[in-house]
N, C-alpha and C. Protein backbone atom coordinates (compact mmCIF):
# COMPACT_ATOMS: atom_id res chain seq x y z
N MET A 1 151.41 155.39 127.59
CA MET A 1 151.38 155.02 126.17
C MET A 1 150.00 154.44 125.83
N SER A 2 149.44 154.87 124.70
CA SER A 2 148.11 154.41 124.32
C SER A 2 148.13 152.95 123.91
N THR A 3 146.92 152.34 123.93
CA THR A 3 146.80 150.95 123.51
C THR A 3 147.20 150.80 122.05
N ARG A 4 146.84 151.80 121.23
CA ARG A 4 147.19 151.76 119.81
C ARG A 4 148.70 151.71 119.62
N ASN A 5 149.42 152.58 120.33
CA ASN A 5 150.88 152.62 120.21
C ASN A 5 151.51 151.33 120.72
N THR A 6 150.95 150.79 121.81
CA THR A 6 151.46 149.54 122.36
C THR A 6 151.30 148.41 121.36
N ASN A 7 150.12 148.34 120.73
CA ASN A 7 149.87 147.30 119.73
C ASN A 7 150.80 147.46 118.54
N LEU A 8 151.03 148.70 118.12
CA LEU A 8 151.91 148.96 116.98
C LEU A 8 153.33 148.55 117.31
N ASP A 9 153.77 148.84 118.52
CA ASP A 9 155.12 148.44 118.94
C ASP A 9 155.27 146.92 118.92
N GLU A 10 154.22 146.23 119.36
CA GLU A 10 154.27 144.77 119.35
C GLU A 10 154.30 144.23 117.92
N MET A 11 153.57 144.87 117.02
CA MET A 11 153.58 144.46 115.61
C MET A 11 154.97 144.65 115.01
N LYS A 12 155.61 145.77 115.35
CA LYS A 12 156.96 146.03 114.85
C LYS A 12 157.93 144.99 115.39
N LYS A 13 157.81 144.69 116.67
CA LYS A 13 158.70 143.71 117.29
C LYS A 13 158.51 142.33 116.65
N GLU A 14 157.26 141.97 116.43
CA GLU A 14 156.96 140.68 115.81
C GLU A 14 157.53 140.63 114.39
N TYR A 15 157.36 141.73 113.66
CA TYR A 15 157.87 141.80 112.29
C TYR A 15 159.39 141.67 112.26
N TRP A 16 160.04 142.37 113.17
CA TRP A 16 161.50 142.34 113.24
C TRP A 16 162.00 140.94 113.59
N ALA A 17 161.39 140.30 114.57
CA ALA A 17 161.82 138.97 114.98
C ALA A 17 161.59 137.94 113.88
N GLU A 18 160.49 138.11 113.17
CA GLU A 18 160.15 137.15 112.12
C GLU A 18 161.09 137.23 110.92
N ASN A 19 161.63 138.43 110.69
CA ASN A 19 162.41 138.66 109.48
C ASN A 19 163.90 138.85 109.71
N ILE A 20 164.38 138.65 110.92
CA ILE A 20 165.77 138.93 111.22
C ILE A 20 166.73 138.15 110.32
N HIS A 21 166.43 136.92 110.02
CA HIS A 21 167.30 136.13 109.14
C HIS A 21 167.27 136.67 107.71
N SER A 22 166.12 137.11 107.25
CA SER A 22 166.01 137.68 105.91
C SER A 22 166.77 138.99 105.79
N PHE A 23 166.72 139.81 106.84
CA PHE A 23 167.41 141.10 106.81
C PHE A 23 168.91 140.93 106.63
N SER A 24 169.44 139.83 107.13
CA SER A 24 170.88 139.63 107.06
C SER A 24 171.37 139.45 105.63
N GLY A 25 170.44 139.29 104.68
CA GLY A 25 170.82 139.14 103.28
C GLY A 25 170.74 140.43 102.49
N PHE A 26 170.64 141.59 103.19
CA PHE A 26 170.58 142.89 102.53
C PHE A 26 169.45 142.99 101.51
N TYR A 27 168.28 142.44 101.85
CA TYR A 27 167.14 142.50 100.95
C TYR A 27 167.52 142.01 99.56
N ASP A 28 168.14 140.87 99.52
CA ASP A 28 168.53 140.29 98.24
C ASP A 28 167.31 140.15 97.34
N LYS A 29 167.56 140.03 96.01
CA LYS A 29 166.47 139.94 95.05
C LYS A 29 165.56 138.76 95.38
N GLY A 30 166.13 137.72 95.94
CA GLY A 30 165.35 136.56 96.32
C GLY A 30 164.99 136.56 97.78
N SER A 31 164.90 137.73 98.39
CA SER A 31 164.64 137.84 99.82
C SER A 31 163.40 137.06 100.22
N GLU A 32 163.48 136.44 101.38
CA GLU A 32 162.34 135.72 101.93
C GLU A 32 161.63 136.54 103.00
N GLU A 33 161.91 137.83 103.02
CA GLU A 33 161.25 138.72 103.98
C GLU A 33 159.74 138.61 103.83
N LYS A 34 159.07 138.49 104.96
CA LYS A 34 157.62 138.33 104.96
C LYS A 34 156.96 139.66 105.31
N ILE A 35 156.47 140.34 104.30
CA ILE A 35 155.78 141.60 104.53
C ILE A 35 154.27 141.36 104.54
N LYS A 36 153.59 142.13 105.39
CA LYS A 36 152.14 141.98 105.49
C LYS A 36 151.50 143.02 104.59
N ALA A 37 151.13 142.59 103.39
CA ALA A 37 150.59 143.49 102.38
C ALA A 37 149.68 142.71 101.45
N PRO A 38 148.79 143.43 100.74
CA PRO A 38 147.97 142.76 99.72
C PRO A 38 148.86 142.03 98.71
N TYR A 39 148.30 141.03 98.07
CA TYR A 39 149.08 140.16 97.19
C TYR A 39 149.86 140.94 96.14
N LEU A 40 149.22 141.86 95.44
CA LEU A 40 149.89 142.59 94.36
C LEU A 40 151.03 143.46 94.88
N LEU A 41 150.83 144.07 96.04
CA LEU A 41 151.88 144.90 96.62
C LEU A 41 153.05 144.04 97.07
N SER A 42 152.73 142.90 97.68
CA SER A 42 153.78 141.97 98.09
C SER A 42 154.55 141.47 96.87
N TRP A 43 153.85 141.18 95.81
CA TRP A 43 154.49 140.72 94.57
C TRP A 43 155.41 141.79 94.01
N ALA A 44 154.95 143.06 94.03
CA ALA A 44 155.76 144.17 93.51
C ALA A 44 157.04 144.32 94.32
N TYR A 45 156.93 144.17 95.66
CA TYR A 45 158.13 144.26 96.50
C TYR A 45 159.13 143.19 96.11
N LYS A 46 158.66 141.97 95.98
CA LYS A 46 159.57 140.87 95.67
C LYS A 46 160.12 140.96 94.25
N LYS A 47 159.33 141.50 93.32
CA LYS A 47 159.72 141.57 91.92
C LYS A 47 160.70 142.70 91.66
N TRP A 48 160.45 143.88 92.24
CA TRP A 48 161.24 145.06 91.90
C TRP A 48 161.88 145.77 93.10
N ILE A 49 161.08 146.00 94.14
CA ILE A 49 161.54 146.91 95.20
C ILE A 49 162.70 146.35 96.00
N PHE A 50 162.69 145.04 96.31
CA PHE A 50 163.78 144.45 97.08
C PHE A 50 165.13 144.66 96.40
N SER A 51 165.17 144.50 95.07
CA SER A 51 166.44 144.65 94.36
C SER A 51 166.92 146.09 94.37
N ILE A 52 165.98 147.06 94.35
CA ILE A 52 166.35 148.47 94.45
C ILE A 52 166.87 148.77 95.85
N GLU A 53 166.16 148.26 96.86
CA GLU A 53 166.56 148.50 98.25
C GLU A 53 167.93 147.90 98.54
N LYS A 54 168.23 146.80 97.89
CA LYS A 54 169.53 146.16 98.10
C LYS A 54 170.68 147.13 97.83
N LYS A 55 170.54 147.96 96.81
CA LYS A 55 171.58 148.93 96.46
C LYS A 55 171.75 149.95 97.58
N TYR A 56 170.62 150.41 98.13
CA TYR A 56 170.70 151.37 99.22
C TYR A 56 171.22 150.72 100.50
N MET A 57 170.88 149.47 100.72
CA MET A 57 171.39 148.77 101.89
C MET A 57 172.90 148.62 101.82
N PHE A 58 173.41 148.35 100.62
CA PHE A 58 174.86 148.22 100.47
C PHE A 58 175.54 149.58 100.67
N LYS A 59 174.89 150.64 100.19
CA LYS A 59 175.42 151.99 100.40
C LYS A 59 175.46 152.31 101.90
N ARG A 60 174.38 151.94 102.60
CA ARG A 60 174.33 152.15 104.05
C ARG A 60 175.43 151.37 104.75
N TYR A 61 175.62 150.14 104.33
CA TYR A 61 176.68 149.29 104.87
C TYR A 61 178.04 149.96 104.72
N GLN A 62 178.32 150.50 103.56
CA GLN A 62 179.59 151.17 103.32
C GLN A 62 179.75 152.41 104.20
N MET A 63 178.67 153.14 104.41
CA MET A 63 178.70 154.32 105.28
C MET A 63 179.08 153.95 106.71
N VAL A 64 178.49 152.86 107.19
CA VAL A 64 178.77 152.43 108.57
C VAL A 64 180.22 151.98 108.70
N LEU A 65 180.71 151.23 107.72
CA LEU A 65 182.11 150.78 107.78
C LEU A 65 183.07 151.96 107.74
N GLU A 66 182.73 152.96 106.95
CA GLU A 66 183.57 154.17 106.90
C GLU A 66 183.60 154.85 108.27
N PHE A 67 182.44 154.90 108.92
CA PHE A 67 182.35 155.50 110.26
C PHE A 67 183.19 154.70 111.26
N LEU A 68 183.09 153.38 111.21
CA LEU A 68 183.82 152.53 112.15
C LEU A 68 185.32 152.59 111.89
N GLU A 69 185.71 152.61 110.65
CA GLU A 69 187.13 152.71 110.31
C GLU A 69 187.73 154.01 110.85
N LYS A 70 186.92 155.06 110.84
CA LYS A 70 187.39 156.37 111.29
C LYS A 70 187.42 156.49 112.81
N ASN A 71 186.47 155.85 113.50
CA ASN A 71 186.29 156.10 114.93
C ASN A 71 186.61 154.94 115.85
N ALA A 72 186.45 153.71 115.39
CA ALA A 72 186.59 152.56 116.28
C ALA A 72 188.05 152.16 116.48
N SER A 73 188.37 151.76 117.70
CA SER A 73 189.71 151.26 118.01
C SER A 73 189.60 150.37 119.24
N ARG A 74 190.65 149.61 119.52
CA ARG A 74 190.60 148.63 120.59
C ARG A 74 190.50 149.25 121.98
N ASP A 75 190.86 150.52 122.09
CA ASP A 75 190.83 151.17 123.40
C ASP A 75 189.51 151.91 123.66
N LYS A 76 188.53 151.74 122.77
CA LYS A 76 187.26 152.42 122.93
C LYS A 76 186.13 151.42 123.14
N LYS A 77 185.14 151.84 123.91
CA LYS A 77 183.95 151.02 124.12
C LYS A 77 182.91 151.40 123.06
N ILE A 78 182.33 150.37 122.45
CA ILE A 78 181.43 150.61 121.33
C ILE A 78 180.13 149.84 121.54
N ALA A 79 179.00 150.48 121.21
CA ALA A 79 177.69 149.83 121.31
C ALA A 79 177.04 149.75 119.93
N ASP A 80 176.70 148.53 119.54
CA ASP A 80 175.95 148.28 118.32
C ASP A 80 174.48 148.17 118.73
N VAL A 81 173.77 149.30 118.63
CA VAL A 81 172.39 149.37 119.12
C VAL A 81 171.44 148.84 118.04
N GLY A 82 170.76 147.75 118.35
CA GLY A 82 169.94 147.10 117.34
C GLY A 82 170.84 146.30 116.41
N CYS A 83 171.56 145.36 116.99
CA CYS A 83 172.63 144.65 116.27
C CYS A 83 172.12 143.78 115.14
N GLY A 84 170.83 143.38 115.18
CA GLY A 84 170.28 142.58 114.10
C GLY A 84 171.02 141.27 113.92
N SER A 85 171.53 141.04 112.72
CA SER A 85 172.26 139.80 112.43
C SER A 85 173.69 139.84 112.93
N GLY A 86 174.14 141.01 113.39
CA GLY A 86 175.50 141.13 113.93
C GLY A 86 176.55 141.42 112.88
N ILE A 87 176.14 141.93 111.72
CA ILE A 87 177.11 142.14 110.65
C ILE A 87 178.17 143.18 111.04
N TYR A 88 177.79 144.22 111.77
CA TYR A 88 178.77 145.23 112.19
C TYR A 88 179.53 144.78 113.43
N THR A 89 178.84 144.06 114.30
CA THR A 89 179.53 143.48 115.46
C THR A 89 180.63 142.55 114.99
N LYS A 90 180.33 141.74 113.99
CA LYS A 90 181.33 140.82 113.45
C LYS A 90 182.52 141.57 112.87
N TYR A 91 182.24 142.65 112.17
CA TYR A 91 183.30 143.48 111.60
C TYR A 91 184.26 143.97 112.71
N LEU A 92 183.69 144.39 113.83
CA LEU A 92 184.51 144.89 114.94
C LEU A 92 185.30 143.76 115.60
N LEU A 93 184.65 142.63 115.83
CA LEU A 93 185.33 141.51 116.46
C LEU A 93 186.46 140.97 115.60
N GLU A 94 186.28 141.01 114.30
CA GLU A 94 187.35 140.56 113.39
C GLU A 94 188.59 141.42 113.54
N ARG A 95 188.42 142.63 114.03
CA ARG A 95 189.53 143.55 114.27
C ARG A 95 189.89 143.61 115.75
N GLN A 96 189.37 142.65 116.50
CA GLN A 96 189.63 142.51 117.93
C GLN A 96 189.24 143.75 118.71
N ILE A 97 188.13 144.34 118.30
CA ILE A 97 187.60 145.52 118.99
C ILE A 97 186.41 145.10 119.84
N PRO A 98 186.43 145.31 121.14
CA PRO A 98 185.32 144.92 122.02
C PRO A 98 184.03 145.65 121.64
N VAL A 99 182.91 144.98 121.79
CA VAL A 99 181.64 145.59 121.39
C VAL A 99 180.49 145.06 122.24
N TYR A 100 179.56 145.96 122.55
CA TYR A 100 178.28 145.58 123.13
C TYR A 100 177.30 145.39 121.98
N ALA A 101 176.71 144.22 121.86
CA ALA A 101 175.67 143.97 120.88
C ALA A 101 174.33 144.03 121.58
N LEU A 102 173.51 145.00 121.21
CA LEU A 102 172.24 145.26 121.90
C LEU A 102 171.08 145.08 120.94
N ASP A 103 170.05 144.39 121.39
CA ASP A 103 168.84 144.26 120.57
C ASP A 103 167.67 143.91 121.48
N TYR A 104 166.45 144.19 121.03
CA TYR A 104 165.31 143.88 121.89
C TYR A 104 164.66 142.55 121.56
N THR A 105 165.22 141.81 120.61
CA THR A 105 164.73 140.47 120.36
C THR A 105 165.85 139.46 120.62
N ASN A 106 165.50 138.39 121.27
CA ASN A 106 166.48 137.34 121.54
C ASN A 106 166.95 136.68 120.25
N GLN A 107 166.07 136.64 119.24
CA GLN A 107 166.43 136.04 117.95
C GLN A 107 167.64 136.75 117.35
N ALA A 108 167.67 138.08 117.44
CA ALA A 108 168.79 138.84 116.89
C ALA A 108 170.08 138.55 117.64
N LEU A 109 170.01 138.47 118.96
CA LEU A 109 171.21 138.22 119.76
C LEU A 109 171.75 136.82 119.49
N GLU A 110 170.86 135.86 119.36
CA GLU A 110 171.31 134.49 119.07
C GLU A 110 171.94 134.41 117.68
N LEU A 111 171.36 135.12 116.71
CA LEU A 111 171.92 135.13 115.36
C LEU A 111 173.28 135.81 115.35
N THR A 112 173.40 136.89 116.10
CA THR A 112 174.68 137.59 116.20
C THR A 112 175.76 136.68 116.77
N LYS A 113 175.44 135.98 117.86
CA LYS A 113 176.42 135.06 118.47
C LYS A 113 176.78 133.94 117.50
N SER A 114 175.80 133.45 116.76
CA SER A 114 176.05 132.39 115.80
C SER A 114 176.97 132.87 114.68
N ASN A 115 176.71 134.08 114.18
CA ASN A 115 177.53 134.62 113.09
C ASN A 115 178.93 135.00 113.52
N CYS A 116 179.13 135.14 114.83
CA CYS A 116 180.44 135.51 115.36
C CYS A 116 181.12 134.34 116.08
N ALA A 117 180.60 133.14 115.90
CA ALA A 117 181.03 131.98 116.68
C ALA A 117 182.50 131.65 116.53
N THR A 118 183.09 131.97 115.39
CA THR A 118 184.50 131.63 115.14
C THR A 118 185.46 132.70 115.65
N LEU A 119 184.92 133.78 116.22
CA LEU A 119 185.75 134.89 116.67
C LEU A 119 185.90 134.86 118.19
N ASP A 120 186.65 135.81 118.73
CA ASP A 120 186.90 135.86 120.17
C ASP A 120 185.67 136.43 120.88
N LEU A 121 184.84 135.55 121.41
CA LEU A 121 183.59 135.98 122.04
C LEU A 121 183.80 136.63 123.41
N SER A 122 185.03 136.58 123.91
CA SER A 122 185.31 137.27 125.17
C SER A 122 185.23 138.80 124.98
N LEU A 123 185.31 139.23 123.73
CA LEU A 123 185.22 140.65 123.41
C LEU A 123 183.78 141.10 123.17
N LEU A 124 182.85 140.14 123.22
CA LEU A 124 181.45 140.43 122.91
C LEU A 124 180.57 140.33 124.15
N LYS A 125 179.73 141.35 124.31
CA LYS A 125 178.70 141.31 125.36
C LYS A 125 177.35 141.54 124.70
N CYS A 126 176.52 140.52 124.70
CA CYS A 126 175.17 140.60 124.14
C CYS A 126 174.18 140.94 125.25
N ILE A 127 173.40 141.98 125.03
CA ILE A 127 172.43 142.42 126.04
C ILE A 127 171.09 142.66 125.37
N GLN A 128 170.04 142.04 125.90
CA GLN A 128 168.69 142.24 125.36
C GLN A 128 168.06 143.44 126.06
N ILE A 129 167.87 144.52 125.30
CA ILE A 129 167.24 145.72 125.85
C ILE A 129 166.27 146.32 124.84
N ASP A 130 165.26 146.98 125.37
CA ASP A 130 164.34 147.78 124.57
C ASP A 130 164.80 149.22 124.73
N ILE A 131 165.27 149.83 123.64
CA ILE A 131 165.88 151.15 123.72
C ILE A 131 164.89 152.23 124.16
N LEU A 132 163.59 151.93 124.10
CA LEU A 132 162.59 152.88 124.59
C LEU A 132 162.36 152.75 126.10
N LYS A 133 162.94 151.70 126.70
CA LYS A 133 162.75 151.48 128.13
C LYS A 133 164.07 151.43 128.89
N ASN A 134 165.15 151.10 128.21
CA ASN A 134 166.43 150.90 128.88
C ASN A 134 167.53 151.72 128.21
N SER A 135 168.45 152.21 129.01
CA SER A 135 169.59 152.95 128.46
C SER A 135 170.69 151.97 128.05
N ILE A 136 171.55 152.42 127.16
CA ILE A 136 172.68 151.61 126.75
C ILE A 136 173.78 151.71 127.80
N PRO A 137 174.74 150.79 127.79
CA PRO A 137 175.88 150.92 128.69
C PRO A 137 176.68 152.18 128.33
N CYS A 138 177.49 152.67 129.24
CA CYS A 138 178.33 153.82 128.96
C CYS A 138 179.44 153.41 127.98
N VAL A 139 179.50 154.09 126.85
CA VAL A 139 180.47 153.76 125.82
C VAL A 139 181.05 155.05 125.24
N ASP A 140 182.06 154.89 124.39
CA ASP A 140 182.64 156.03 123.69
C ASP A 140 181.91 156.30 122.38
N ILE A 141 181.45 155.23 121.75
CA ILE A 141 180.82 155.32 120.43
C ILE A 141 179.58 154.44 120.41
N ALA A 142 178.51 154.96 119.83
CA ALA A 142 177.30 154.17 119.63
C ALA A 142 176.82 154.35 118.20
N PHE A 143 176.33 153.28 117.64
CA PHE A 143 175.69 153.41 116.32
C PHE A 143 174.41 152.59 116.32
N ALA A 144 173.37 153.17 115.72
CA ALA A 144 172.04 152.56 115.70
C ALA A 144 171.52 152.63 114.27
N ILE A 145 171.71 151.56 113.54
CA ILE A 145 171.39 151.56 112.11
C ILE A 145 170.07 150.82 111.87
N GLY A 146 169.16 151.52 111.20
CA GLY A 146 167.85 150.92 110.92
C GLY A 146 166.95 150.83 112.13
N ILE A 147 167.20 151.64 113.14
CA ILE A 147 166.41 151.57 114.38
C ILE A 147 165.38 152.70 114.47
N LEU A 148 165.82 153.93 114.31
CA LEU A 148 164.90 155.07 114.41
C LEU A 148 163.77 155.00 113.39
N PRO A 149 163.98 154.43 112.19
CA PRO A 149 162.85 154.30 111.26
C PRO A 149 161.70 153.44 111.79
N TYR A 150 161.93 152.72 112.88
CA TYR A 150 160.88 151.91 113.49
C TYR A 150 160.39 152.50 114.81
N ILE A 151 160.90 153.68 115.16
CA ILE A 151 160.56 154.28 116.46
C ILE A 151 159.87 155.62 116.26
N GLU A 152 158.70 155.76 116.86
CA GLU A 152 157.95 157.02 116.76
C GLU A 152 158.52 158.07 117.71
N ASP A 153 158.80 157.66 118.94
CA ASP A 153 159.24 158.60 119.97
C ASP A 153 160.75 158.76 119.94
N TYR A 154 161.23 159.68 119.10
CA TYR A 154 162.67 159.90 118.97
C TYR A 154 163.29 160.48 120.23
N LYS A 155 162.49 161.15 121.05
CA LYS A 155 163.02 161.73 122.29
C LYS A 155 163.44 160.63 123.26
N LEU A 156 162.66 159.57 123.37
CA LEU A 156 163.03 158.45 124.23
C LEU A 156 164.27 157.74 123.67
N PHE A 157 164.32 157.61 122.36
CA PHE A 157 165.47 157.00 121.68
C PHE A 157 166.75 157.72 122.08
N PHE A 158 166.74 159.04 121.97
CA PHE A 158 167.93 159.83 122.32
C PHE A 158 168.20 159.84 123.82
N LYS A 159 167.14 159.88 124.61
CA LYS A 159 167.29 159.91 126.07
C LYS A 159 168.06 158.70 126.57
N ASN A 160 167.87 157.56 125.93
CA ASN A 160 168.50 156.32 126.39
C ASN A 160 169.81 156.01 125.68
N ILE A 161 170.26 156.93 124.82
CA ILE A 161 171.54 156.73 124.14
C ILE A 161 172.51 157.89 124.37
N LEU A 162 172.07 159.11 124.08
CA LEU A 162 173.01 160.24 124.03
C LEU A 162 173.76 160.53 125.34
N PRO A 163 173.14 160.40 126.52
CA PRO A 163 173.90 160.67 127.75
C PRO A 163 174.98 159.63 128.03
N TYR A 164 174.98 158.55 127.28
CA TYR A 164 175.87 157.42 127.59
C TYR A 164 176.95 157.19 126.53
N THR A 165 177.11 158.16 125.64
CA THR A 165 178.16 158.06 124.63
C THR A 165 178.63 159.46 124.27
N ARG A 166 179.62 159.54 123.39
CA ARG A 166 180.12 160.84 122.94
C ARG A 166 179.94 161.04 121.44
N ILE A 167 179.83 159.93 120.73
CA ILE A 167 179.67 159.95 119.28
C ILE A 167 178.56 158.98 118.91
N ILE A 168 177.72 159.39 117.97
CA ILE A 168 176.64 158.50 117.53
C ILE A 168 176.47 158.58 116.02
N LEU A 169 176.16 157.43 115.44
CA LEU A 169 175.77 157.34 114.03
C LEU A 169 174.40 156.69 113.98
N PHE A 170 173.48 157.29 113.25
CA PHE A 170 172.14 156.72 113.12
C PHE A 170 171.52 157.20 111.81
N ASN A 171 170.45 156.55 111.41
CA ASN A 171 169.74 156.98 110.21
C ASN A 171 168.27 157.16 110.51
N LEU A 172 167.60 157.91 109.66
CA LEU A 172 166.17 158.15 109.83
C LEU A 172 165.52 158.27 108.46
N LEU A 173 164.18 158.18 108.47
CA LEU A 173 163.39 158.41 107.28
C LEU A 173 162.78 159.80 107.37
N ASP A 174 162.98 160.60 106.35
CA ASP A 174 162.58 162.00 106.33
C ASP A 174 161.07 162.13 106.09
N SER A 175 160.37 162.74 107.03
CA SER A 175 158.91 162.88 106.90
C SER A 175 158.54 163.82 105.76
N GLU A 176 159.51 164.62 105.28
CA GLU A 176 159.23 165.56 104.20
C GLU A 176 159.48 164.95 102.82
N ASN A 177 160.09 163.79 102.77
CA ASN A 177 160.35 163.14 101.49
C ASN A 177 159.04 162.69 100.85
N TRP A 178 158.91 162.85 99.53
CA TRP A 178 157.64 162.57 98.86
C TRP A 178 157.21 161.11 99.00
N ILE A 179 158.18 160.20 99.00
CA ILE A 179 157.83 158.78 99.15
C ILE A 179 157.21 158.53 100.52
N ASN A 180 157.82 159.11 101.54
CA ASN A 180 157.31 158.91 102.90
C ASN A 180 155.98 159.65 103.11
N ARG A 181 155.82 160.78 102.45
CA ARG A 181 154.53 161.47 102.50
C ARG A 181 153.43 160.59 101.91
N LEU A 182 153.75 159.94 100.81
CA LEU A 182 152.79 159.05 100.17
C LEU A 182 152.43 157.88 101.08
N ARG A 183 153.45 157.34 101.77
CA ARG A 183 153.20 156.24 102.70
C ARG A 183 152.28 156.67 103.85
N LYS A 184 152.40 157.92 104.26
CA LYS A 184 151.54 158.41 105.34
C LYS A 184 150.10 158.62 104.86
N ILE A 185 149.97 159.06 103.61
CA ILE A 185 148.64 159.27 103.05
C ILE A 185 147.95 157.94 102.78
N LEU A 186 148.75 156.96 102.31
CA LEU A 186 148.24 155.63 101.98
C LEU A 186 148.92 154.61 102.89
N PRO A 187 148.43 154.44 104.11
CA PRO A 187 149.10 153.59 105.10
C PRO A 187 149.34 152.15 104.66
N PHE A 188 148.54 151.63 103.73
CA PHE A 188 148.73 150.24 103.31
C PHE A 188 150.06 150.05 102.59
N LEU A 189 150.67 151.17 102.13
CA LEU A 189 151.98 151.10 101.50
C LEU A 189 153.11 150.95 102.53
N ASN A 190 152.80 151.27 103.78
CA ASN A 190 153.81 151.20 104.84
C ASN A 190 153.86 149.78 105.40
N VAL A 191 154.37 148.87 104.60
CA VAL A 191 154.32 147.44 104.95
C VAL A 191 155.27 147.08 106.08
N ARG A 192 156.21 147.96 106.41
CA ARG A 192 157.17 147.67 107.48
C ARG A 192 156.89 148.48 108.75
N TYR A 193 155.77 149.16 108.80
CA TYR A 193 155.39 149.95 109.97
C TYR A 193 156.43 151.03 110.29
N TYR A 194 156.93 151.70 109.26
CA TYR A 194 157.94 152.73 109.44
C TYR A 194 157.41 153.94 110.21
N SER A 195 158.33 154.65 110.84
CA SER A 195 158.07 155.96 111.43
C SER A 195 158.94 156.98 110.72
N TYR A 196 158.47 158.22 110.65
CA TYR A 196 159.17 159.26 109.90
C TYR A 196 159.44 160.46 110.80
N HIS A 197 160.53 161.16 110.53
CA HIS A 197 160.93 162.27 111.40
C HIS A 197 161.41 163.47 110.59
N ARG A 198 161.20 164.65 111.17
CA ARG A 198 161.69 165.88 110.55
C ARG A 198 163.13 166.12 110.98
N LEU A 199 163.96 166.41 110.03
CA LEU A 199 165.37 166.65 110.32
C LEU A 199 165.56 167.80 111.30
N SER A 200 164.75 168.84 111.18
CA SER A 200 164.87 170.01 112.06
C SER A 200 164.59 169.63 113.52
N GLU A 201 163.61 168.75 113.74
CA GLU A 201 163.28 168.32 115.10
C GLU A 201 164.38 167.44 115.67
N ILE A 202 164.96 166.60 114.83
CA ILE A 202 166.06 165.74 115.27
C ILE A 202 167.27 166.58 115.67
N GLU A 203 167.58 167.56 114.86
CA GLU A 203 168.73 168.43 115.17
C GLU A 203 168.49 169.20 116.46
N LYS A 204 167.28 169.65 116.67
CA LYS A 204 166.94 170.38 117.89
C LYS A 204 167.10 169.49 119.11
N GLU A 205 166.67 168.23 119.01
CA GLU A 205 166.78 167.31 120.14
C GLU A 205 168.23 166.96 120.42
N LEU A 206 169.04 166.84 119.39
CA LEU A 206 170.47 166.60 119.58
C LEU A 206 171.11 167.73 120.38
N GLN A 207 170.68 168.95 120.11
CA GLN A 207 171.23 170.11 120.80
C GLN A 207 170.89 170.11 122.28
N VAL A 208 169.76 169.51 122.64
CA VAL A 208 169.38 169.39 124.06
C VAL A 208 170.47 168.66 124.83
N TYR A 209 171.12 167.69 124.18
CA TYR A 209 172.17 166.89 124.81
C TYR A 209 173.57 167.38 124.42
N HIS A 210 173.62 168.61 123.87
CA HIS A 210 174.88 169.25 123.50
C HIS A 210 175.63 168.48 122.42
N TYR A 211 174.87 167.95 121.49
CA TYR A 211 175.44 167.28 120.32
C TYR A 211 175.29 168.18 119.11
N LYS A 212 176.24 168.08 118.20
CA LYS A 212 176.13 168.78 116.94
C LYS A 212 176.35 167.77 115.80
N ILE A 213 175.65 167.98 114.71
CA ILE A 213 175.81 167.10 113.56
C ILE A 213 177.14 167.39 112.89
N THR A 214 177.96 166.36 112.76
CA THR A 214 179.27 166.52 112.13
C THR A 214 179.29 166.01 110.70
N LYS A 215 178.30 165.17 110.35
CA LYS A 215 178.21 164.68 108.98
C LYS A 215 176.77 164.31 108.69
N LEU A 216 176.25 164.82 107.57
CA LEU A 216 174.88 164.57 107.17
C LEU A 216 174.88 164.10 105.72
N THR A 217 174.38 162.88 105.49
CA THR A 217 174.43 162.29 104.16
C THR A 217 173.05 161.78 103.76
N LYS A 218 172.63 162.15 102.56
CA LYS A 218 171.36 161.67 102.04
C LYS A 218 171.42 160.17 101.82
N LEU A 219 170.37 159.46 102.25
CA LEU A 219 170.31 158.01 102.09
C LEU A 219 168.88 157.62 101.75
N ALA A 220 168.65 157.24 100.47
CA ALA A 220 167.32 156.85 100.01
C ALA A 220 166.30 157.94 100.36
N SER A 221 165.26 157.62 101.13
CA SER A 221 164.24 158.62 101.48
C SER A 221 164.50 159.20 102.87
N GLY A 222 165.74 159.17 103.29
CA GLY A 222 166.08 159.71 104.61
C GLY A 222 167.51 160.21 104.67
N TRP A 223 168.09 160.10 105.87
CA TRP A 223 169.43 160.65 106.12
C TRP A 223 170.24 159.72 107.00
N MET A 224 171.55 159.74 106.78
CA MET A 224 172.50 159.14 107.71
C MET A 224 173.16 160.29 108.44
N ILE A 225 173.15 160.22 109.78
CA ILE A 225 173.61 161.33 110.59
C ILE A 225 174.71 160.88 111.56
N GLU A 226 175.80 161.61 111.53
CA GLU A 226 176.87 161.44 112.52
C GLU A 226 176.88 162.67 113.41
N ALA A 227 176.82 162.46 114.71
CA ALA A 227 176.78 163.60 115.64
C ALA A 227 177.76 163.35 116.79
N GLN A 228 178.27 164.44 117.32
CA GLN A 228 179.28 164.35 118.37
C GLN A 228 178.98 165.34 119.49
N GLN A 229 179.28 164.94 120.69
CA GLN A 229 179.06 165.79 121.86
C GLN A 229 180.12 166.87 121.94
N GLY A 230 179.69 168.06 122.35
CA GLY A 230 180.66 169.14 122.54
C GLY A 230 180.52 170.24 121.52
């Protein structure tokens, strides 16, 4: 891995750790998320963009709950990859469904445990892993929400997840979307260090692991994808 990519990964990790508490508020209009951008751009985000994103975040939240309601049960092993504040882990624990909460920052794992403190923590296993270096535990279902948009190497992402589950839900930012094209042309607009992917390449890589897309839903400037092995 090049020095440039290593530095970028560290910047993303630092950004994620610094803002984990803010993310748990679904980019509320009064979000305290700290973006590294020129003053006017930062002001525009806080004034308008955060409130727009909040609507998409809530839509994403509903999509994930629909997926969990359809697939999750007490007899299945589930991995919340990139658990963040633990909002989905909490949802599962409230239904007494065991879950692995995985994240590469200790701040996220501590926040998840704190947010789930009143629930049965014997059903929770928190593991600090970097999905680009470590594979997930063997599970029946895995979901990784808001993770691939921060990862350039989607092949490593899939390599460390797909062989260890049968069903996956994840989202991505479409490199062909005009907003994301603009961010690539004008990098200063990419205040969150996003990565973008072609849907055709993602589908091809899923096929390498004998997965097929079972549900594809447009989400903001990207896609929510449900895929299943077989």
